[in-house]
Every structure is written in C-alpha cells, then in structure tokens.
PDB file of N, CA and C in Angstrom:
ATOM      1  N   MET A   1     120.860 155.133  43.741  1.00  0.00           N
ATOM      2  CA  MET A   1     120.167 155.185  44.998  1.00  0.00           C
ATOM      3  C   MET A   1     119.179 154.034  45.139  1.00  0.00           C
ATOM      4  N   GLU A   2     118.496 153.810  44.055  1.00  0.00           N
ATOM      5  CA  GLU A   2     117.527 152.714  44.059  1.00  0.00           C
ATOM      6  C   GLU A   2     118.250 151.387  44.279  1.00  0.00           C
ATOM      7  N   GLU A   3     119.390 151.306  43.697  1.00  0.00           N
ATOM      8  CA  GLU A   3     120.177 150.088  43.853  1.00  0.00           C
ATOM      9  C   GLU A   3     120.619 149.920  45.307  1.00  0.00           C
ATOM     10  N   GLU A   4     120.951 150.996  45.934  1.00  0.00           N
ATOM     11  CA  GLU A   4     121.355 150.968  47.339  1.00  0.00           C
ATOM     12  C   GLU A   4     120.201 150.509  48.222  1.00  0.00           C
ATOM     13  N   VAL A   5     119.026 151.024  47.927  1.00  0.00           N
ATOM     14  CA  VAL A   5     117.827 150.641  48.684  1.00  0.00           C
ATOM     15  C   VAL A   5     117.547 149.164  48.454  1.00  0.00           C
ATOM     16  N   ASN A   6     117.654 148.748  47.212  1.00  0.00           N
ATOM     17  CA  ASN A   6     117.430 147.329  46.885  1.00  0.00           C
ATOM     18  C   ASN A   6     118.437 146.443  47.627  1.00  0.00           C
ATOM     19  N   ASN A   7     119.666 146.922  47.656  1.00  0.00           N
ATOM     20  CA  ASN A   7     120.709 146.186  48.375  1.00  0.00           C
ATOM     21  C   ASN A   7     120.394 146.094  49.867  1.00  0.00           C
ATOM     22  N   ASN A   8     119.958 147.202  50.428  1.00  0.00           N
ATOM     23  CA  ASN A   8     119.594 147.219  51.854  1.00  0.00           C
ATOM     24  C   ASN A   8     118.409 146.287  52.127  1.00  0.00           C
ATOM     25  N   VAL A   9     117.438 146.324  51.228  1.00  0.00           N
ATOM     26  CA  VAL A   9     116.259 145.449  51.381  1.00  0.00           C
ATOM     27  C   VAL A   9     116.704 143.994  51.293  1.00  0.00           C
ATOM     28  N   LYS A  10     117.578 143.736  50.354  1.00  0.00           N
ATOM     29  CA  LYS A  10     118.078 142.367  50.172  1.00  0.00           C
ATOM     30  C   LYS A  10     118.818 141.895  51.423  1.00  0.00           C
ATOM     31  N   GLN A  11     119.660 142.760  51.990  1.00  0.00           N
ATOM     32  CA  GLN A  11     120.404 142.412  53.204  1.00  0.00           C
ATOM     33  C   GLN A  11     119.459 142.166  54.380  1.00  0.00           C
ATOM     34  N   VAL A  12     118.443 143.008  54.485  1.00  0.00           N
ATOM     35  CA  VAL A  12     117.477 142.849  55.572  1.00  0.00           C
ATOM     36  C   VAL A  12     116.731 141.529  55.404  1.00  0.00           C
ATOM     37  N   LYS A  13     116.338 141.214  54.162  1.00  0.00           N
ATOM     38  CA  LYS A  13     115.645 139.943  53.895  1.00  0.00           C
ATOM     39  C   LYS A  13     116.539 138.760  54.267  1.00  0.00           C
ATOM     40  N   GLU A  14     117.820 138.851  53.909  1.00  0.00           N
ATOM     41  CA  GLU A  14     118.758 137.769  54.227  1.00  0.00           C
ATOM     42  C   GLU A  14     118.902 137.608  55.741  1.00  0.00           C
ATOM     43  N   LYS A  15     118.987 138.733  56.430  1.00  0.00           N
ATOM     44  CA  LYS A  15     119.096 138.681  57.893  1.00  0.00           C
ATOM     45  C   LYS A  15     117.839 138.068  58.493  1.00  0.00           C
ATOM     46  N   ILE A  16     116.693 138.459  57.934  1.00  0.00           N
ATOM     47  CA  ILE A  16     115.423 137.898  58.422  1.00  0.00           C
ATOM     48  C   ILE A  16     115.402 136.396  58.174  1.00  0.00           C
ATOM     49  N   GLU A  17     115.829 135.964  57.003  1.00  0.00           N
ATOM     50  CA  GLU A  17     115.868 134.530  56.680  1.00  0.00           C
ATOM     51  C   GLU A  17     116.825 133.790  57.619  1.00  0.00           C
ATOM     52  N   GLN A  18     117.979 134.405  57.877  1.00  0.00           N
ATOM     53  CA  GLN A  18     118.943 133.791  58.797  1.00  0.00           C
ATOM     54  C   GLN A  18     118.336 133.653  60.198  1.00  0.00           C
ATOM     55  N   LYS A  19     117.677 134.714  60.625  1.00  0.00           N
ATOM     56  CA  LYS A  19     117.035 134.684  61.946  1.00  0.00           C
ATOM     57  C   LYS A  19     115.950 133.615  61.979  1.00  0.00           C
ATOM     58  N   GLU A  20     115.158 133.536  60.898  1.00  0.00           N
ATOM     59  CA  GLU A  20     114.103 132.516  60.824  1.00  0.00           C
ATOM     60  C   GLU A  20     114.712 131.120  60.884  1.00  0.00           C
ATOM     61  N   THR A  21     115.792 130.928  60.165  1.00  0.00           N
ATOM     62  CA  THR A  21     116.469 129.632  60.154  1.00  0.00           C
ATOM     63  C   THR A  21     116.966 129.294  61.558  1.00  0.00           C
ATOM     64  N   LYS A  22     117.595 130.268  62.200  1.00  0.00           N
ATOM     65  CA  LYS A  22     118.081 130.044  63.568  1.00  0.00           C
ATOM     66  C   LYS A  22     116.922 129.755  64.511  1.00  0.00           C
ATOM     67  N   LEU A  23     115.834 130.524  64.351  1.00  0.00           N
ATOM     68  CA  LEU A  23     114.661 130.300  65.203  1.00  0.00           C
ATOM     69  C   LEU A  23     114.086 128.900  64.985  1.00  0.00           C
ATOM     70  N   LYS A  24     114.037 128.464  63.719  1.00  0.00           N
ATOM     71  CA  LYS A  24     113.545 127.113  63.419  1.00  0.00           C
ATOM     72  C   LYS A  24     114.436 126.063  64.085  1.00  0.00           C
ATOM     73  N   GLU A  25     115.751 126.272  63.985  1.00  0.00           N
ATOM     74  CA  GLU A  25     116.689 125.331  64.605  1.00  0.00           C
ATOM     75  C   GLU A  25     116.491 125.288  66.119  1.00  0.00           C
ATOM     76  N   VAL A  26     116.362 126.461  66.712  1.00  0.00           N
ATOM     77  CA  VAL A  26     116.152 126.531  68.160  1.00  0.00           C
ATOM     78  C   VAL A  26     114.837 125.853  68.522  1.00  0.00           C
ATOM     79  N   PHE A  27     113.796 126.132  67.734  1.00  0.00           N
ATOM     80  CA  PHE A  27     112.492 125.523  67.989  1.00  0.00           C
ATOM     81  C   PHE A  27     112.576 123.997  67.879  1.00  0.00           C
ATOM     82  N   GLU A  28     113.250 123.506  66.834  1.00  0.00           N
ATOM     83  CA  GLU A  28     113.407 122.059  66.652  1.00  0.00           C
ATOM     84  C   GLU A  28     114.188 121.445  67.813  1.00  0.00           C
ATOM     85  N   LYS A  29     115.258 122.142  68.222  1.00  0.00           N
ATOM     86  CA  LYS A  29     116.039 121.657  69.361  1.00  0.00           C
ATOM     87  C   LYS A  29     115.181 121.588  70.616  1.00  0.00           C
ATOM     88  N   THR A  30     114.438 122.661  70.843  1.00  0.00           N
ATOM     89  CA  THR A  30     113.565 122.720  72.017  1.00  0.00           C
ATOM     90  C   THR A  30     112.523 121.611  71.958  1.00  0.00           C
ATOM     91  N   GLU A  31     111.960 121.434  70.782  1.00  0.00           N
ATOM     92  CA  GLU A  31     110.942 120.383  70.601  1.00  0.00           C
ATOM     93  C   GLU A  31     111.555 118.997  70.857  1.00  0.00           C
ATOM     94  N   ARG A  32     112.752 118.780  70.338  1.00  0.00           N
ATOM     95  CA  ARG A  32     113.448 117.513  70.549  1.00  0.00           C
ATOM     96  C   ARG A  32     113.719 117.290  72.035  1.00  0.00           C
ATOM     97  N   GLN A  33     114.181 118.333  72.713  1.00  0.00           N
ATOM     98  CA  GLN A  33     114.450 118.229  74.149  1.00  0.00           C
ATOM     99  C   GLN A  33     113.166 117.927  74.923  1.00  0.00           C
ATOM    100  N   ARG A  34     112.087 118.582  74.526  1.00  0.00           N
ATOM    101  CA  ARG A  34     110.807 118.350  75.199  1.00  0.00           C
ATOM    102  C   ARG A  34     110.375 116.889  75.029  1.00  0.00           C
ATOM    103  N   ARG A  35     110.509 116.377  73.793  1.00  0.00           N
ATOM    104  CA  ARG A  35     110.154 114.974  73.541  1.00  0.00           C
ATOM    105  C   ARG A  35     111.045 114.026  74.340  1.00  0.00           C
ATOM    106  N   LEU A  36     112.340 114.361  74.395  1.00  0.00           N
ATOM    107  CA  LEU A  36     113.265 113.533  75.169  1.00  0.00           C
ATOM    108  C   LEU A  36     112.914 113.549  76.657  1.00  0.00           C
ATOM    109  N   GLU A  37     112.560 114.709  77.170  1.00  0.00           N
ATOM    110  CA  GLU A  37     112.157 114.805  78.577  1.00  0.00           C
ATOM    111  C   GLU A  37     110.915 113.963  78.845  1.00  0.00           C
ATOM    112  N   ILE A  38     109.955 114.047  77.925  1.00  0.00           N
ATOM    113  CA  ILE A  38     108.730 113.239  78.069  1.00  0.00           C
ATOM    114  C   ILE A  38     109.088 111.759  78.053  1.00  0.00           C
ATOM    115  N   GLU A  39     109.960 111.373  77.139  1.00  0.00           N
ATOM    116  CA  GLU A  39     110.380 109.969  77.042  1.00  0.00           C
ATOM    117  C   GLU A  39     111.112 109.529  78.314  1.00  0.00           C
ATOM    118  N   MET A  40     111.966 110.409  78.838  1.00  0.00           N
ATOM    119  CA  MET A  40     112.688 110.090  80.076  1.00  0.00           C
ATOM    120  C   MET A  40     111.719 109.914  81.239  1.00  0.00           C
ATOM    121  N   LYS A  41     110.741 110.817  81.331  1.00  0.00           N
ATOM    122  CA  LYS A  41     109.740 110.693  82.396  1.00  0.00           C
ATOM    123  C   LYS A  41     108.987 109.378  82.268  1.00  0.00           C
ATOM    124  N   LYS A  42     108.642 109.028  81.033  1.00  0.00           N
ATOM    125  CA  LYS A  42     107.927 107.772  80.780  1.00  0.00           C
ATOM    126  C   LYS A  42     108.786 106.578  81.210  1.00  0.00           C
ATOM    127  N   LEU A  43     110.071 106.606  80.835  1.00  0.00           N
ATOM    128  CA  LEU A  43     110.977 105.518  81.204  1.00  0.00           C
ATOM    129  C   LEU A  43     111.136 105.413  82.720  1.00  0.00           C
ATOM    130  N   LYS A  44     111.281 106.570  83.375  1.00  0.00           N
ATOM    131  CA  LYS A  44     111.410 106.553  84.836  1.00  0.00           C
ATOM    132  C   LYS A  44     110.152 105.988  85.476  1.00  0.00           C
ATOM    133  N   TRP A  45     108.998 106.381  84.953  1.00  0.00           N
ATOM    134  CA  TRP A  45     107.729 105.878  85.480  1.00  0.00           C
ATOM    135  C   TRP A  45     107.659 104.353  85.332  1.00  0.00           C
ATOM    136  N   GLU A  46     108.043 103.866  84.140  1.00  0.00           N
ATOM    137  CA  GLU A  46     108.031 102.420  83.898  1.00  0.00           C
ATOM    138  C   GLU A  46     109.006 101.711  84.840  1.00  0.00           C
ATOM    139  N   GLU A  47     110.183 102.314  85.046  1.00  0.00           N
ATOM    140  CA  GLU A  47     111.156 101.722  85.968  1.00  0.00           C
ATOM    141  C   GLU A  47     110.582 101.638  87.376  1.00  0.00           C
ATOM    142  N   ARG A  48     109.914 102.711  87.809  1.00  0.00           N
ATOM    143  CA  ARG A  48     109.302 102.702  89.144  1.00  0.00           C
ATOM    144  C   ARG A  48     108.239 101.619  89.250  1.00  0.00           C
ATOM    145  N   GLU A  49     107.425 101.490  88.189  1.00  0.00           N
ATOM    146  CA  GLU A  49     106.391 100.450  88.197  1.00  0.00           C
ATOM    147  C   GLU A  49     107.020  99.065  88.283  1.00  0.00           C
ATOM    148  N   GLU A  50     108.075  98.846  87.487  1.00  0.00           N
ATOM    149  CA  GLU A  50     108.762  97.554  87.510  1.00  0.00           C
ATOM    150  C   GLU A  50     109.354  97.281  88.891  1.00  0.00           C
ATOM    151  N   GLU A  51     109.957  98.302  89.475  1.00  0.00           N
ATOM    152  CA  GLU A  51     110.546  98.155  90.811  1.00  0.00           C
ATOM    153  C   GLU A  51     109.464  97.839  91.839  1.00  0.00           C
ATOM    154  N   ALA A  52     108.334  98.530  91.714  1.00  0.00           N
ATOM    155  CA  ALA A  52     107.222  98.277  92.641  1.00  0.00           C
ATOM    156  C   ALA A  52     106.716  96.846  92.482  1.00  0.00           C
ATOM    157  N   LYS A  53     106.599  96.383  91.239  1.00  0.00           N
ATOM    158  CA  LYS A  53     106.159  94.999  90.995  1.00  0.00           C
ATOM    159  C   LYS A  53     107.164  94.012  91.585  1.00  0.00           C
ATOM    160  N   ARG A  54     108.438  94.311  91.359  1.00  0.00           N
ATOM    161  CA  ARG A  54     109.487  93.420  91.868  1.00  0.00           C
ATOM    162  C   ARG A  54     109.437  93.360  93.396  1.00  0.00           C
ATOM    163  N   LEU A  55     109.298  94.524  94.025  1.00  0.00           N
ATOM    164  CA  LEU A  55     109.214  94.565  95.486  1.00  0.00           C
ATOM    165  C   LEU A  55     107.972  93.834  95.984  1.00  0.00           C
ATOM    166  N   GLU A  56     106.873  93.973  95.256  1.00  0.00           N
ATOM    167  CA  GLU A  56     105.632  93.289  95.636  1.00  0.00           C
ATOM    168  C   GLU A  56     105.816  91.774  95.549  1.00  0.00           C
ATOM    169  N   LYS A  57     106.515  91.329  94.487  1.00  0.00           N
ATOM    170  CA  LYS A  57     106.782  89.894  94.351  1.00  0.00           C
ATOM    171  C   LYS A  57     107.642  89.398  95.508  1.00  0.00           C
ATOM    172  N   ILE A  58     108.668  90.186  95.841  1.00  0.00           N
ATOM    173  CA  ILE A  58     109.548  89.803  96.953  1.00  0.00           C
ATOM    174  C   ILE A  58     108.751  89.743  98.242  1.00  0.00           C
ATOM    175  N   LYS A  59     107.928  90.758  98.458  1.00  0.00           N
ATOM    176  CA  LYS A  59     107.107  90.808  99.671  1.00  0.00           C
ATOM    177  C   LYS A  59     106.159  89.608  99.710  1.00  0.00           C
ATOM    178  N   SER A  60     105.548  89.322  98.567  1.00  0.00           N
ATOM    179  CA  SER A  60     104.635  88.182  98.482  1.00  0.00           C
ATOM    180  C   SER A  60     105.387  86.877  98.750  1.00  0.00           C
ATOM    181  N   TYR A  61     106.578  86.745  98.159  1.00  0.00           N
ATOM    182  CA  TYR A  61     107.385  85.548  98.359  1.00  0.00           C
ATOM    183  C   TYR A  61     107.754  85.397  99.831  1.00  0.00           C
ATOM    184  N   ASN A  62     108.184  86.522 100.440  1.00  0.00           N
ATOM    185  CA  ASN A  62     108.556  86.481 101.856  1.00  0.00           C
ATOM    186  C   ASN A  62     107.359  86.133 102.727  1.00  0.00           C
ATOM    187  N   THR A  63     106.195  86.684 102.380  1.00  0.00           N
ATOM    188  CA  THR A  63     104.983  86.380 103.138  1.00  0.00           C
ATOM    189  C   THR A  63     104.663  84.895 103.029  1.00  0.00           C
ATOM    190  N   LEU A  64     104.748  84.355 101.811  1.00  0.00           N
ATOM    191  CA  LEU A  64     104.494  82.924 101.624  1.00  0.00           C
ATOM    192  C   LEU A  64     105.499  82.088 102.413  1.00  0.00           C
ATOM    193  N   LYS A  65     106.747  82.507 102.356  1.00  0.00           N
ATOM    194  CA  LYS A  65     107.794  81.781 103.073  1.00  0.00           C
ATOM    195  C   LYS A  65     107.521  81.814 104.578  1.00  0.00           C
ATOM    196  N   GLN A  66     107.127  82.991 105.088  1.00  0.00           N
ATOM    197  CA  GLN A  66     106.816  83.115 106.510  1.00  0.00           C
ATOM    198  C   GLN A  66     105.624  82.235 106.865  1.00  0.00           C
ATOM    199  N   MET A  67     104.611  82.236 105.995  1.00  0.00           N
ATOM    200  CA  MET A  67     103.434  81.409 106.263  1.00  0.00           C
ATOM    201  C   MET A  67     103.822  79.930 106.306  1.00  0.00           C
ATOM    202  N   GLU A  68     104.679  79.525 105.372  1.00  0.00           N
ATOM    203  CA  GLU A  68     105.142  78.140 105.365  1.00  0.00           C
ATOM    204  C   GLU A  68     105.897  77.825 106.649  1.00  0.00           C
ATOM    205  N   GLU A  69     106.746  78.748 107.085  1.00  0.00           N
ATOM    206  CA  GLU A  69     107.496  78.550 108.327  1.00  0.00           C
ATOM    207  C   GLU A  69     106.546  78.435 109.518  1.00  0.00           C
ATOM    208  N   ILE A  70     105.525  79.296 109.538  1.00  0.00           N
ATOM    209  CA  ILE A  70     104.544  79.252 110.630  1.00  0.00           C
ATOM    210  C   ILE A  70     103.811  77.917 110.615  1.00  0.00           C
ATOM    211  N   GLU A  71     103.404  77.472 109.419  1.00  0.00           N
ATOM    212  CA  GLU A  71     102.725  76.180 109.310  1.00  0.00           C
ATOM    213  C   GLU A  71     103.635  75.052 109.781  1.00  0.00           C
ATOM    214  N   LYS A  72     104.910  75.110 109.394  1.00  0.00           N
ATOM    215  CA  LYS A  72     105.861  74.086 109.837  1.00  0.00           C
ATOM    216  C   LYS A  72     105.961  74.084 111.358  1.00  0.00           C
ATOM    217  N   GLU A  73     106.076  75.295 111.937  1.00  0.00           N
ATOM    218  CA  GLU A  73     106.159  75.415 113.396  1.00  0.00           C
ATOM    219  C   GLU A  73     104.918  74.834 114.053  1.00  0.00           C
ATOM    220  N   GLN A  74     103.744  75.168 113.487  1.00  0.00           N
ATOM    221  CA  GLN A  74     102.497  74.671 114.058  1.00  0.00           C
ATOM    222  C   GLN A  74     102.445  73.148 113.984  1.00  0.00           C
ATOM    223  N   LEU A  75     102.840  72.592 112.829  1.00  0.00           N
ATOM    224  CA  LEU A  75     102.868  71.136 112.697  1.00  0.00           C
ATOM    225  C   LEU A  75     103.852  70.527 113.687  1.00  0.00           C
ATOM    226  N   LYS A  76     104.993  71.174 113.815  1.00  0.00           N
ATOM    227  CA  LYS A  76     106.013  70.700 114.745  1.00  0.00           C
ATOM    228  C   LYS A  76     105.468  70.696 116.172  1.00  0.00           C
ATOM    229  N   MET A  77     104.812  71.803 116.554  1.00  0.00           N
ATOM    230  CA  MET A  77     104.248  71.907 117.899  1.00  0.00           C
ATOM    231  C   MET A  77     103.146  70.868 118.100  1.00  0.00           C
ATOM    232  N   LYS A  78     102.335  70.680 117.059  1.00  0.00           N
ATOM    233  CA  LYS A  78     101.250  69.699 117.149  1.00  0.00           C
ATOM    234  C   LYS A  78     101.840  68.301 117.326  1.00  0.00           C
ATOM    235  N   LEU A  79     102.849  68.001 116.511  1.00  0.00           N
ATOM    236  CA  LEU A  79     103.510  66.704 116.604  1.00  0.00           C
ATOM    237  C   LEU A  79     104.174  66.547 117.962  1.00  0.00           C
ATOM    238  N   LEU A  80     104.817  67.610 118.420  1.00  0.00           N
ATOM    239  CA  LEU A  80     105.463  67.589 119.724  1.00  0.00           C
ATOM    240  C   LEU A  80     104.428  67.371 120.820  1.00  0.00           C
ATOM    241  N   GLY A  81     103.285  68.058 120.694  1.00  0.00           N
ATOM    242  CA  GLY A  81     102.196  67.880 121.662  1.00  0.00           C
ATOM    243  C   GLY A  81     101.700  66.448 121.654  1.00  0.00           C
ATOM    244  N   THR A  82     101.552  65.881 120.464  1.00  0.00           N
ATOM    245  CA  THR A  82     101.116  64.492 120.344  1.00  0.00           C
ATOM    246  C   THR A  82     102.142  63.566 120.980  1.00  0.00           C
ATOM    247  N   LYS A  83     103.419  63.826 120.716  1.00  0.00           N
ATOM    248  CA  LYS A  83     104.478  63.001 121.303  1.00  0.00           C
ATOM    249  C   LYS A  83     104.471  63.123 122.827  1.00  0.00           C
ATOM    250  N   LYS A  84     104.239  64.335 123.334  1.00  0.00           N
ATOM    251  CA  LYS A  84     104.175  64.524 124.784  1.00  0.00           C
ATOM    252  C   LYS A  84     103.013  63.733 125.369  1.00  0.00           C
ATOM    253  N   GLN A  85     101.874  63.782 124.682  1.00  0.00           N
ATOM    254  CA  GLN A  85     100.713  63.025 125.161  1.00  0.00           C
ATOM    255  C   GLN A  85     101.016  61.531 125.155  1.00  0.00           C
ATOM    256  N   GLU A  86     101.655  61.063 124.074  1.00  0.00           N
ATOM    257  CA  GLU A  86     102.019  59.649 124.006  1.00  0.00           C
ATOM    258  C   GLU A  86     102.955  59.293 125.157  1.00  0.00           C
ATOM    259  N   LEU A  87     103.920  60.166 125.419  1.00  0.00           N
ATOM    260  CA  LEU A  87     104.867  59.934 126.500  1.00  0.00           C
ATOM    261  C   LEU A  87     104.144  59.885 127.844  1.00  0.00           C
ATOM    262  N   GLN A  88     103.198  60.805 128.059  1.00  0.00           N
ATOM    263  CA  GLN A  88     102.423  60.803 129.299  1.00  0.00           C
ATOM    264  C   GLN A  88     101.614  59.512 129.420  1.00  0.00           C
ATOM    265  N   GLN A  89     101.003  59.084 128.322  1.00  0.00           N
ATOM    266  CA  GLN A  89     100.239  57.836 128.335  1.00  0.00           C
ATOM    267  C   GLN A  89     101.156  56.658 128.662  1.00  0.00           C
ATOM    268  N   LEU A  90     102.342  56.669 128.057  1.00  0.00           N
ATOM    269  CA  LEU A  90     103.298  55.599 128.308  1.00  0.00           C
ATOM    270  C   LEU A  90     103.712  55.579 129.775  1.00  0.00           C
ATOM    271  N   ARG A  91     103.967  56.760 130.348  1.00  0.00           N
ATOM    272  CA  ARG A  91     104.339  56.842 131.764  1.00  0.00           C
ATOM    273  C   ARG A  91     103.214  56.323 132.645  1.00  0.00           C
ATOM    274  N   LYS A  92     101.982  56.716 132.313  1.00  0.00           N
ATOM    275  CA  LYS A  92     100.837  56.243 133.098  1.00  0.00           C
ATOM    276  C   LYS A  92     100.734  54.724 133.030  1.00  0.00           C
ATOM    277  N   SER A  93     100.862  54.190 131.804  1.00  0.00           N
ATOM    278  CA  SER A  93     100.754  52.733 131.675  1.00  0.00           C
ATOM    279  C   SER A  93     101.913  52.033 132.380  1.00  0.00           C
ATOM    280  N   MET A  94     103.125  52.646 132.350  1.00  0.00           N
ATOM    281  CA  MET A  94     104.256  52.058 133.069  1.00  0.00           C
ATOM    282  C   MET A  94     103.985  52.043 134.570  1.00  0.00           C
ATOM    283  N   LYS A  95     103.422  53.147 135.088  1.00  0.00           N
ATOM    284  CA  LYS A  95     103.090  53.195 136.517  1.00  0.00           C
ATOM    285  C   LYS A  95     102.070  52.121 136.853  1.00  0.00           C
ATOM    286  N   LEU A  96     101.040  52.019 136.002  1.00  0.00           N
ATOM    287  CA  LEU A  96     100.007  51.003 136.252  1.00  0.00           C
ATOM    288  C   LEU A  96     100.606  49.603 136.198  1.00  0.00           C
ATOM    289  N   ASN A  97     101.450  49.364 135.185  1.00  0.00           N
ATOM    290  CA  ASN A  97     102.085  48.049 135.077  1.00  0.00           C
ATOM    291  C   ASN A  97     102.969  47.771 136.289  1.00  0.00           C
ATOM    292  N   THR A  98     103.695  48.800 136.738  1.00  0.00           N
ATOM    293  CA  THR A  98     104.547  48.641 137.918  1.00  0.00           C
ATOM    294  C   THR A  98     103.699  48.302 139.133  1.00  0.00           C
ATOM    295  N   GLU A  99     102.601  49.036 139.308  1.00  0.00           N
ATOM    296  CA  GLU A  99     101.695  48.771 140.437  1.00  0.00           C
ATOM    297  C   GLU A  99     101.132  47.358 140.350  1.00  0.00           C
ATOM    298  N   LEU A 100     100.708  46.970 139.143  1.00  0.00           N
ATOM    299  CA  LEU A 100     100.171  45.614 138.973  1.00  0.00           C
ATOM    300  C   LEU A 100     101.232  44.565 139.295  1.00  0.00           C
ATOM    301  N   TYR A 101     102.448  44.798 138.810  1.00  0.00           N
ATOM    302  CA  TYR A 101     103.533  43.857 139.059  1.00  0.00           C
ATOM    303  C   TYR A 101     103.843  43.772 140.552  1.00  0.00           C
ATOM    304  N   LYS A 102     103.871  44.941 141.233  1.00  0.00           N
ATOM    305  CA  LYS A 102     104.105  44.957 142.680  1.00  0.00           C
ATOM    306  C   LYS A 102     103.016  44.173 143.390  1.00  0.00           C
ATOM    307  N   ASN A 103     101.777  44.425 142.989  1.00  0.00           N
ATOM    308  CA  ASN A 103     100.655  43.714 143.614  1.00  0.00           C
ATOM    309  C   ASN A 103     100.758  42.211 143.380  1.00  0.00           C
ATOM    310  N   GLU A 104     101.139  41.815 142.159  1.00  0.00           N
ATOM    311  CA  GLU A 104     101.299  40.384 141.861  1.00  0.00           C
ATOM    312  C   GLU A 104     102.378  39.778 142.739  1.00  0.00           C
ATOM    313  N   ILE A 105     103.506  40.473 142.859  1.00  0.00           N
ATOM    314  CA  ILE A 105     104.612  39.968 143.680  1.00  0.00           C
ATOM    315  C   ILE A 105     104.169  39.871 145.133  1.00  0.00           C
ATOM    316  N   ARG A 106     103.459  40.908 145.643  1.00  0.00           N
ATOM    317  CA  ARG A 106     102.951  40.856 147.019  1.00  0.00           C
ATOM    318  C   ARG A 106     102.030  39.657 147.204  1.00  0.00           C
ATOM    319  N   ASP A 107     101.138  39.505 146.223  1.00  0.00           N
ATOM    320  CA  ASP A 107     100.214  38.369 146.317  1.00  0.00           C
ATOM    321  C   ASP A 107     100.981  37.045 146.334  1.00  0.00           C
ATOM    322  N   GLN A 108     102.012  36.927 145.492  1.00  0.00           N
ATOM    323  CA  GLN A 108     102.802  35.692 145.467  1.00  0.00           C
ATOM    324  C   GLN A 108     103.540  35.498 146.788  1.00  0.00           C
ATOM    325  N   ILE A 109     104.107  36.613 147.301  1.00  0.00           N
ATOM    326  CA  ILE A 109     104.813  36.521 148.591  1.00  0.00           C
ATOM    327  C   ILE A 109     103.840  36.102 149.673  1.00  0.00           C
ATOM    328  N   ASN A 110     102.681  36.734 149.710  1.00  0.00           N
ATOM    329  CA  ASN A 110     101.668  36.383 150.713  1.00  0.00           C
ATOM    330  C   ASN A 110     101.222  34.933 150.542  1.00  0.00           C
ATOM    331  N   ALA A 111     101.061  34.519 149.276  1.00  0.00           N
ATOM    332  CA  ALA A 111     100.656  33.139 149.030  1.00  0.00           C
ATOM    333  C   ALA A 111     101.744  32.186 149.515  1.00  0.00           C
ATOM    334  N   ASN A 112     103.011  32.530 149.250  1.00  0.00           N
ATOM    335  CA  ASN A 112     104.123  31.692 149.697  1.00  0.00           C
ATOM    336  C   ASN A 112     104.208  31.666 151.221  1.00  0.00           C
ATOM    337  N   LYS A 113     103.972  32.832 151.849  1.00  0.00           N
ATOM    338  CA  LYS A 113     103.997  32.886 153.311  1.00  0.00           C
ATOM    339  C   LYS A 113     102.907  32.002 153.887  1.00  0.00           C
ATOM    340  N   SER A 114     101.704  32.125 153.300  1.00  0.00           N
ATOM    341  CA  SER A 114     100.610  31.311 153.842  1.00  0.00           C
ATOM    342  C   SER A 114     100.877  29.828 153.601  1.00  0.00           C
ATOM    343  N   LYS A 115     101.541  29.448 152.499  1.00  0.00           N
ATOM    344  CA  LYS A 115     101.886  28.050 152.262  1.00  0.00           C
ATOM    345  C   LYS A 115     102.897  27.589 153.302  1.00  0.00           C
ATOM    346  N   ASN A 116     103.880  28.464 153.577  1.00  0.00           N
ATOM    347  CA  ASN A 116     104.901  28.131 154.558  1.00  0.00           C
ATOM    348  C   ASN A 116     104.293  28.004 155.950  1.00  0.00           C
ATOM    349  N   ILE A 117     103.364  28.906 156.259  1.00  0.00           N
ATOM    350  CA  ILE A 117     102.715  28.850 157.572  1.00  0.00           C
ATOM    351  C   ILE A 117     101.862  27.591 157.658  1.00  0.00           C
ATOM    352  N   ASP A 118     101.176  27.257 156.595  1.00  0.00           N
ATOM    353  CA  ASP A 118     100.329  26.065 156.585  1.00  0.00           C
ATOM    354  C   ASP A 118     101.176  24.794 156.682  1.00  0.00           C
ATOM    355  N   SER A 119     102.347  24.788 156.093  1.00  0.00           N
ATOM    356  CA  SER A 119     103.156  23.599 156.153  1.00  0.00           C
ATOM    357  C   SER A 119     103.798  23.430 157.522  1.00  0.00           C
ATOM    358  N   LEU A 120     103.855  24.421 158.295  1.00  0.00           N
ATOM    359  CA  LEU A 120     104.422  24.285 159.631  1.00  0.00           C
ATOM    360  C   LEU A 120     103.405  23.688 160.497  1.00  0.00           C
TER     361      LEU A 120
END
C-alpha cells in the first residue's frame, strides 16, 4: 500500500514537473513574442520617422526648386521690363530723330526755295 501511495505521489510529481515545463515553455514563447512585438513596433516607428524625413527632404527640395523658379521668373520679368523700357526709349529717340530729320529737310527745302526765289 505504501508503495502504491509512493507511486501515486511520484506520478503526481512527474505530472507537476511536466506541467511546469510546459508552463515555462509557454511563458518563454510568450516572452519571445512580446519582445518581437516590441521590436516590430520599434522598427515600424523608425520606418515612419525615416519616411517623414524623406518626405520633408522632398518637400524642402520642391520648395527650393519652386523658389528658384520664382526667382528666375522675377529676373525674367525684370529683364523683360528693362528691355521694354529700352525699346520705348529707342522708339522715342527714333521719333525725335525722325522729327529732326523732317525739320532739317523742310529747312533745306525752304532754303532751296528761297534761293530759287532770290535767283529769279
């Protein structure tokens, strides 16, 4: 009888040890999964940060490019404005030169007429 009790105690101890072993394995698995989840969250966070930095660089690059384009446009408009002013000045001087030339020709014609009248 004592042997039977000892056998039963031994079996119960073995079952308890098996359960403890299984529980340890489950705990280790759970712990490993928890660490992996934490690592995955960390990696995702880093990826998001990298993506945000990359997008910020692109945005900054595009902003710089737009600013350069605006500056080019402004320079172009300024140059165009200067060219228009030069053209207007040239037209004014051409008109003045034309008027002066007309006046000179009139004066010469009048001078020639008066010479012709005087010679008659």
